[in-house]
Amino acid sequence: MFLSYIYAILGLSVIIAVHEIGHLISAKKAGMKVERFGIGMGPAIFCIERGGTKYCLCWVPIGGFCQIKGEEADNNDQDSYNSKPPWHKFMVAFSGPFANFVTAFVLLVSLFNIAGQQVGHKIGQLEPDFPAINAGIQVGDRLKGANGSYTEDTFAIIQQINENPNQEILVHIERNGELLDVPVVPKEVEREGKIVGLIGIVLAPVYQKVSFFQSVKMSFSTMGNFFKEFLLFIGRLFTGQLGENVEVKGPLGIIGIAAQSASISWISFLFFIAFLSLNLGMLNLFPFPPLDGGKIIFAFWEGLTKKPINKKVEIWVNTAGFLILISLIVYVTFKDILGFF
């Protein structure tokens, strides 16, 4: 499990690095001087200077930065951020999220082409000291129903198990093409203040091979559905219509989920990293300073008015937004920590 957390941290670091590399490339293409570029946060382990940019690797393996001349200061030199036209500023801001979208697309196409299309779930892991392993359920079995009710919706079966703590139920499984009925008594467990029944199984996806062109089509469809669901989530968030079971995870919570997916299979882990990359891109496009979306709004405003934003006002707004974001991150991280106990 320790290695799973290492993979999770590395995966998160990679997609953040990809995001910052997008900013780096577009800034240099626009003739802006990138003063410092770093992978990680905190003190630098080492730095090297190339082409006027100091490249650093930092001790804290999560995060990154791309410090462009004049972006956070009132500097109008020819190679500064402030001296460039709004179109260049837009491209620099958008290039980070765009790099995340491209990364997610490449990952999804590769994974769909290698693993195939997900067509269901199988049991990928059995927890010790839980009823499933004692009842004879095996890794690789597929859940087909419970108490005489058959369905392909694995999560509906799990819900039925959850609703029957300490009560014997008949779980229908498929093993090597044969249907079996296994009596099992779900163990009573308290989860998030509720009593539920668990039998101690971890699900793993089942895939079916597809062609390369099908994998491309599926990737576009998957990303389109993600963008749609993300926007619906934002809408429900601001209208107070989120369900009680919806949780917002901070960095620690994300690493925990990534580690769990890594413990199931590398396919599950890379799918999670692809969706995490999409999330990072979409979150950064949110029109709130100092996120990339806030910078895009400033660039559009400058393009419409034909006047540059007052730099002091921009710095003040970005600082206020940064403090709000840090406060939110601290809050959700604190909730993540409480969730471990």
Protein backbone atom coordinates (compact mmCIF):
# COMPACT_ATOMS: atom_id res chain seq x y z
CA MET A 1 0.00 0.00 0.00
CA PHE A 2 2.95 2.32 0.66
CA LEU A 3 4.00 2.01 -3.00
CA SER A 4 0.43 2.92 -4.03
CA TYR A 5 0.80 6.25 -2.21
CA ILE A 6 4.15 6.86 -3.93
CA TYR A 7 2.53 6.22 -7.34
CA ALA A 8 -0.36 8.51 -6.38
CA ILE A 9 1.95 11.40 -5.44
CA LEU A 10 4.00 10.91 -8.62
CA GLY A 11 0.85 10.80 -10.77
CA LEU A 12 -0.48 14.00 -9.25
CA SER A 13 2.93 15.66 -9.67
CA VAL A 14 3.07 14.68 -13.34
CA ILE A 15 -0.27 16.24 -14.29
CA ILE A 16 0.61 19.43 -12.39
CA ALA A 17 3.99 19.49 -14.18
CA VAL A 18 2.20 19.05 -17.53
CA HIS A 19 -0.03 22.01 -16.67
CA GLU A 20 2.95 24.25 -15.88
CA ILE A 21 4.86 23.08 -18.96
CA GLY A 22 1.89 24.26 -21.04
CA HIS A 23 2.29 27.74 -19.55
CA LEU A 24 6.08 27.60 -20.05
CA ILE A 25 5.94 26.73 -23.74
CA SER A 26 3.26 29.28 -24.65
CA ALA A 27 4.96 32.07 -22.65
CA LYS A 28 8.26 31.50 -24.43
CA LYS A 29 6.48 31.33 -27.81
CA ALA A 30 4.86 34.70 -27.02
CA GLY A 31 8.26 36.26 -26.29
CA MET A 32 7.73 36.47 -22.53
CA LYS A 33 10.64 35.81 -20.21
CA VAL A 34 10.04 32.92 -17.82
CA GLU A 35 12.16 33.78 -14.80
CA ARG A 36 11.64 30.58 -12.80
CA PHE A 37 10.00 27.25 -13.54
CA GLY A 38 9.63 24.63 -10.84
CA ILE A 39 8.28 21.16 -10.22
CA GLY A 40 7.12 20.75 -6.62
CA MET A 41 6.85 23.38 -3.92
CA GLY A 42 8.96 24.69 -1.07
CA PRO A 43 12.77 24.91 -0.97
CA ALA A 44 14.62 23.82 -4.10
CA ILE A 45 16.61 20.59 -4.15
CA PHE A 46 18.60 21.96 -7.08
CA CYS A 47 18.24 24.51 -9.89
CA ILE A 48 19.81 24.88 -13.32
CA GLU A 49 19.62 27.92 -15.60
CA ARG A 50 18.98 27.59 -19.33
CA GLY A 51 17.98 30.33 -21.78
CA GLY A 52 17.42 32.88 -19.04
CA THR A 53 15.09 30.59 -17.07
CA LYS A 54 15.97 28.98 -13.76
CA TYR A 55 14.55 25.44 -13.68
CA CYS A 56 14.07 24.02 -10.16
CA LEU A 57 13.09 20.74 -8.55
CA CYS A 58 11.61 21.32 -5.09
CA TRP A 59 11.28 19.18 -1.99
CA VAL A 60 7.48 19.03 -1.68
CA PRO A 61 6.48 16.71 -4.56
CA ILE A 62 3.04 18.27 -5.17
CA GLY A 63 2.58 21.52 -7.05
CA GLY A 64 4.59 23.58 -9.48
CA PHE A 65 5.07 27.10 -10.73
CA CYS A 66 5.86 29.09 -13.86
CA GLN A 67 7.00 32.59 -12.90
CA ILE A 68 6.66 34.92 -15.90
CA LYS A 69 8.29 38.34 -15.87
CA GLY A 70 5.76 41.07 -15.13
CA GLU A 71 2.84 38.72 -14.43
CA GLU A 72 2.79 39.57 -10.73
CA ALA A 73 4.60 42.94 -10.89
CA ASP A 74 4.26 46.32 -12.61
CA ASN A 75 6.90 45.71 -15.29
CA ASN A 76 6.47 46.79 -18.91
CA ASP A 77 9.75 45.63 -20.44
CA GLN A 78 9.49 44.24 -23.95
CA ASP A 79 9.82 40.65 -22.72
CA SER A 80 7.32 41.05 -19.86
CA TYR A 81 3.79 39.67 -19.56
CA ASN A 82 2.34 43.18 -19.29
CA SER A 83 3.77 44.34 -22.64
CA LYS A 84 2.09 41.60 -24.67
CA PRO A 85 -1.30 41.86 -26.40
CA PRO A 86 -4.44 40.32 -24.84
CA TRP A 87 -4.40 37.39 -27.31
CA HIS A 88 -0.97 36.30 -26.04
CA LYS A 89 -2.10 36.62 -22.42
CA PHE A 90 -5.15 34.49 -23.19
CA MET A 91 -3.01 31.80 -24.83
CA VAL A 92 -0.57 31.70 -21.91
CA ALA A 93 -3.45 31.32 -19.42
CA PHE A 94 -5.34 28.76 -21.51
CA SER A 95 -2.29 26.65 -22.39
CA GLY A 96 -2.05 25.09 -18.90
CA PRO A 97 -5.60 23.64 -18.87
CA PHE A 98 -5.25 22.76 -22.57
CA ALA A 99 -2.13 20.72 -21.77
CA ASN A 100 -4.17 18.83 -19.16
CA PHE A 101 -6.95 18.14 -21.67
CA VAL A 102 -4.45 16.83 -24.25
CA THR A 103 -2.79 14.65 -21.59
CA ALA A 104 -6.16 13.22 -20.54
CA PHE A 105 -7.13 12.54 -24.17
CA VAL A 106 -3.85 10.74 -24.93
CA LEU A 107 -4.19 8.68 -21.74
CA LEU A 108 -7.81 7.74 -22.47
CA VAL A 109 -7.11 6.76 -26.09
CA SER A 110 -4.14 4.65 -24.97
CA LEU A 111 -6.07 3.00 -22.14
CA PHE A 112 -9.18 2.28 -24.22
CA ASN A 113 -6.94 0.87 -26.98
CA ILE A 114 -4.93 -1.31 -24.57
CA ALA A 115 -7.53 -2.32 -21.99
CA GLY A 116 -10.74 -1.88 -23.96
CA GLN A 117 -14.19 -0.64 -23.01
CA GLN A 118 -15.41 -1.14 -19.45
CA VAL A 119 -18.36 -3.53 -19.47
CA GLY A 120 -18.78 -4.21 -15.79
CA HIS A 121 -16.97 -5.04 -12.56
CA LYS A 122 -15.37 -8.06 -10.98
CA ILE A 123 -14.10 -8.66 -7.47
CA GLY A 124 -10.53 -7.42 -7.48
CA GLN A 125 -9.65 -7.82 -3.82
CA LEU A 126 -10.99 -9.52 -0.69
CA GLU A 127 -10.62 -7.92 2.72
CA PRO A 128 -9.44 -10.18 5.58
CA ASP A 129 -11.78 -10.74 8.54
CA PHE A 130 -14.86 -10.00 6.44
CA PRO A 131 -17.71 -12.38 5.42
CA ALA A 132 -16.94 -12.62 1.68
CA ILE A 133 -13.64 -14.47 2.06
CA ASN A 134 -15.15 -16.82 4.66
CA ALA A 135 -18.17 -17.52 2.43
CA GLY A 136 -15.94 -18.75 -0.40
CA ILE A 137 -16.26 -15.74 -2.72
CA GLN A 138 -13.11 -15.47 -4.85
CA VAL A 139 -11.14 -12.77 -6.64
CA GLY A 140 -12.39 -12.63 -10.25
CA ASP A 141 -16.01 -13.47 -9.39
CA ARG A 142 -18.64 -11.13 -10.83
CA LEU A 143 -21.68 -10.01 -8.83
CA LYS A 144 -24.93 -10.81 -10.62
CA GLY A 145 -27.58 -10.08 -8.00
CA ALA A 146 -28.84 -10.71 -4.50
CA ASN A 147 -31.84 -12.48 -2.92
CA GLY A 148 -33.24 -13.66 -6.24
CA SER A 149 -32.98 -10.28 -7.94
CA TYR A 150 -30.55 -10.26 -10.89
CA THR A 151 -29.03 -7.13 -12.42
CA GLU A 152 -25.96 -5.93 -14.33
CA ASP A 153 -25.81 -2.85 -12.09
CA THR A 154 -23.06 -3.86 -9.67
CA PHE A 155 -23.58 -0.82 -7.47
CA ALA A 156 -27.28 -1.66 -7.02
CA ILE A 157 -26.16 -5.05 -5.66
CA ILE A 158 -23.67 -3.36 -3.34
CA GLN A 159 -26.45 -1.08 -2.09
CA GLN A 160 -28.61 -4.11 -1.31
CA ILE A 161 -25.72 -5.62 0.67
CA ASN A 162 -25.25 -2.32 2.52
CA GLU A 163 -28.93 -2.32 3.53
CA ASN A 164 -28.75 -5.74 5.24
CA PRO A 165 -26.23 -5.62 8.09
CA ASN A 166 -26.17 -8.79 10.22
CA GLN A 167 -28.86 -10.42 8.04
CA GLU A 168 -28.14 -13.40 5.81
CA ILE A 169 -28.61 -12.69 2.13
CA LEU A 170 -28.03 -14.81 -0.96
CA VAL A 171 -25.42 -13.26 -3.24
CA HIS A 172 -25.50 -14.44 -6.88
CA ILE A 173 -22.08 -14.57 -8.54
CA GLU A 174 -20.68 -15.69 -11.88
CA ARG A 175 -17.49 -17.78 -11.85
CA ASN A 176 -16.02 -19.22 -15.06
CA GLY A 177 -19.39 -18.85 -16.81
CA GLU A 178 -21.31 -20.62 -14.03
CA LEU A 179 -23.88 -18.93 -11.79
CA LEU A 180 -23.48 -19.64 -8.08
CA ASP A 181 -25.58 -18.71 -5.04
CA VAL A 182 -23.53 -17.84 -1.97
CA PRO A 183 -25.16 -17.20 1.43
CA VAL A 184 -23.38 -14.44 3.33
CA VAL A 185 -24.08 -12.27 6.39
CA PRO A 186 -22.87 -8.65 5.82
CA LYS A 187 -20.78 -7.34 8.70
CA GLU A 188 -22.24 -4.37 10.56
CA VAL A 189 -19.96 -1.35 10.15
CA GLU A 190 -20.42 2.34 10.98
CA ARG A 191 -19.61 4.56 8.02
CA GLU A 192 -20.03 8.34 8.11
CA GLY A 193 -22.46 8.09 11.02
CA LYS A 194 -24.58 5.36 9.41
CA ILE A 195 -24.76 1.62 10.05
CA VAL A 196 -24.20 -0.37 6.85
CA GLY A 197 -23.51 -3.96 5.90
CA LEU A 198 -20.18 -4.84 4.28
CA ILE A 199 -18.89 -8.18 3.02
CA GLY A 200 -15.32 -7.03 2.40
CA ILE A 201 -14.87 -6.83 -1.38
CA VAL A 202 -13.08 -4.29 -3.58
CA LEU A 203 -14.38 -4.00 -7.12
CA ALA A 204 -12.18 -3.92 -10.20
CA PRO A 205 -13.39 -3.01 -13.72
CA VAL A 206 -13.87 -5.57 -16.51
CA TYR A 207 -12.86 -4.47 -20.02
CA GLN A 208 -13.67 -5.55 -23.59
CA LYS A 209 -11.22 -4.96 -26.46
CA VAL A 210 -12.01 -2.22 -29.02
CA SER A 211 -10.31 -0.87 -32.17
CA PHE A 212 -8.09 2.22 -32.21
CA PHE A 213 -10.77 4.33 -33.93
CA GLN A 214 -13.35 3.18 -31.40
CA SER A 215 -10.96 4.18 -28.61
CA VAL A 216 -10.64 7.69 -30.11
CA LYS A 217 -14.42 8.00 -30.38
CA MET A 218 -14.88 6.72 -26.82
CA SER A 219 -12.28 9.20 -25.53
CA PHE A 220 -14.08 12.17 -27.10
CA SER A 221 -17.39 10.88 -25.73
CA THR A 222 -15.93 10.32 -22.25
CA MET A 223 -14.42 13.80 -22.14
CA GLY A 224 -17.65 15.35 -23.42
CA ASN A 225 -19.65 13.61 -20.69
CA PHE A 226 -17.10 14.74 -18.11
CA PHE A 227 -17.33 18.40 -19.17
CA LYS A 228 -21.13 18.20 -19.06
CA GLU A 229 -21.18 16.61 -15.58
CA PHE A 230 -18.58 19.08 -14.30
CA LEU A 231 -20.66 22.06 -15.39
CA LEU A 232 -23.79 20.50 -13.88
CA PHE A 233 -21.87 19.99 -10.62
CA ILE A 234 -20.80 23.65 -10.58
CA GLY A 235 -24.41 24.68 -11.22
CA ARG A 236 -25.71 22.52 -8.37
CA LEU A 237 -22.92 23.81 -6.11
CA PHE A 238 -23.93 27.45 -6.56
CA THR A 239 -27.65 26.75 -6.33
CA GLY A 240 -27.31 24.64 -3.18
CA GLN A 241 -28.65 21.51 -4.87
CA LEU A 242 -25.74 19.17 -4.09
CA GLY A 243 -26.77 15.93 -2.41
CA GLU A 244 -25.72 15.13 1.15
CA ASN A 245 -23.42 12.34 -0.05
CA VAL A 246 -21.35 14.61 -2.32
CA GLU A 247 -17.89 15.23 -0.86
CA VAL A 248 -15.21 17.68 -1.97
CA LYS A 249 -11.72 16.27 -1.53
CA GLY A 250 -8.51 18.17 -0.86
CA PRO A 251 -4.97 17.12 -1.86
CA LEU A 252 -4.76 14.43 0.86
CA GLY A 253 -8.13 12.99 -0.09
CA ILE A 254 -7.19 12.94 -3.79
CA ILE A 255 -3.92 11.15 -3.01
CA GLY A 256 -5.87 8.62 -0.94
CA ILE A 257 -8.28 7.87 -3.81
CA ALA A 258 -5.39 7.67 -6.29
CA ALA A 259 -3.56 5.24 -3.99
CA GLN A 260 -6.69 3.10 -3.72
CA SER A 261 -7.04 2.96 -7.51
CA ALA A 262 -3.33 2.07 -7.80
CA SER A 263 -3.82 -0.82 -5.37
CA ILE A 264 -6.54 -2.24 -7.68
CA SER A 265 -4.67 -2.12 -11.01
CA TRP A 266 -2.47 0.17 -13.07
CA ILE A 267 -5.35 0.53 -15.57
CA SER A 268 -7.65 1.86 -12.85
CA PHE A 269 -4.89 4.16 -11.62
CA LEU A 270 -4.19 5.66 -15.06
CA PHE A 271 -7.91 6.15 -15.71
CA PHE A 272 -8.09 8.06 -12.43
CA ILE A 273 -5.06 10.17 -13.41
CA ALA A 274 -6.75 10.98 -16.76
CA PHE A 275 -9.90 12.20 -14.99
CA LEU A 276 -7.79 14.06 -12.44
CA SER A 277 -6.05 15.85 -15.32
CA LEU A 278 -9.45 16.84 -16.72
CA ASN A 279 -10.48 18.08 -13.29
CA LEU A 280 -7.33 20.15 -12.91
CA GLY A 281 -7.86 21.72 -16.33
CA MET A 282 -11.51 22.56 -15.70
CA LEU A 283 -10.92 23.91 -12.19
CA ASN A 284 -8.21 26.23 -13.46
CA LEU A 285 -10.58 27.59 -16.12
CA PHE A 286 -12.98 28.69 -13.40
CA PRO A 287 -13.27 32.52 -13.76
CA PHE A 288 -11.79 33.34 -10.39
CA PRO A 289 -8.47 35.10 -9.76
CA PRO A 290 -5.69 34.02 -9.56
CA LEU A 291 -6.75 30.88 -11.47
CA ASP A 292 -6.16 30.74 -15.21
CA GLY A 293 -9.84 31.48 -15.78
CA GLY A 294 -9.44 34.79 -13.91
CA LYS A 295 -6.48 35.71 -16.12
CA ILE A 296 -8.54 34.86 -19.20
CA ILE A 297 -11.29 37.23 -18.00
CA PHE A 298 -8.70 39.99 -17.55
CA ALA A 299 -7.37 39.33 -21.07
CA PHE A 300 -10.88 39.48 -22.58
CA TRP A 301 -11.61 42.71 -20.70
CA GLU A 302 -8.40 44.27 -21.98
CA GLY A 303 -9.25 43.15 -25.53
CA LEU A 304 -12.76 44.65 -25.33
CA THR A 305 -11.79 47.97 -23.73
CA LYS A 306 -8.47 48.33 -25.58
CA LYS A 307 -6.97 49.37 -22.24
CA PRO A 308 -4.66 47.35 -19.98
CA ILE A 309 -5.94 46.40 -16.54
CA ASN A 310 -4.56 48.60 -13.77
CA LYS A 311 -1.70 46.42 -12.50
CA LYS A 312 -2.14 47.42 -8.86
CA VAL A 313 -5.83 46.47 -9.02
CA GLU A 314 -4.99 43.17 -10.73
CA ILE A 315 -2.37 42.30 -8.09
CA TRP A 316 -4.79 43.19 -5.27
CA VAL A 317 -7.59 41.08 -6.76
CA ASN A 318 -5.24 38.13 -7.37
CA THR A 319 -3.91 38.34 -3.81
CA ALA A 320 -7.43 38.38 -2.35
CA GLY A 321 -8.43 35.43 -4.54
CA PHE A 322 -5.29 33.55 -3.56
CA LEU A 323 -6.06 33.96 0.14
CA ILE A 324 -9.60 32.67 -0.39
CA LEU A 325 -8.32 29.64 -2.33
CA ILE A 326 -5.71 28.85 0.32
CA SER A 327 -8.41 29.06 3.00
CA LEU A 328 -10.60 26.60 1.05
CA ILE A 329 -7.67 24.21 0.54
CA VAL A 330 -6.81 24.33 4.24
CA TYR A 331 -10.47 23.66 5.11
CA VAL A 332 -10.90 20.63 2.82
CA THR A 333 -7.47 19.30 3.84
CA PHE A 334 -8.52 19.52 7.49
CA LYS A 335 -11.65 17.54 6.61
CA ASP A 336 -9.47 14.98 4.80
CA ILE A 337 -7.33 14.59 7.91
CA LEU A 338 -10.40 14.11 10.12
CA GLY A 339 -11.57 11.43 7.69
CA PHE A 340 -8.53 9.31 8.53
CA PHE A 341 -9.67 8.97 12.15
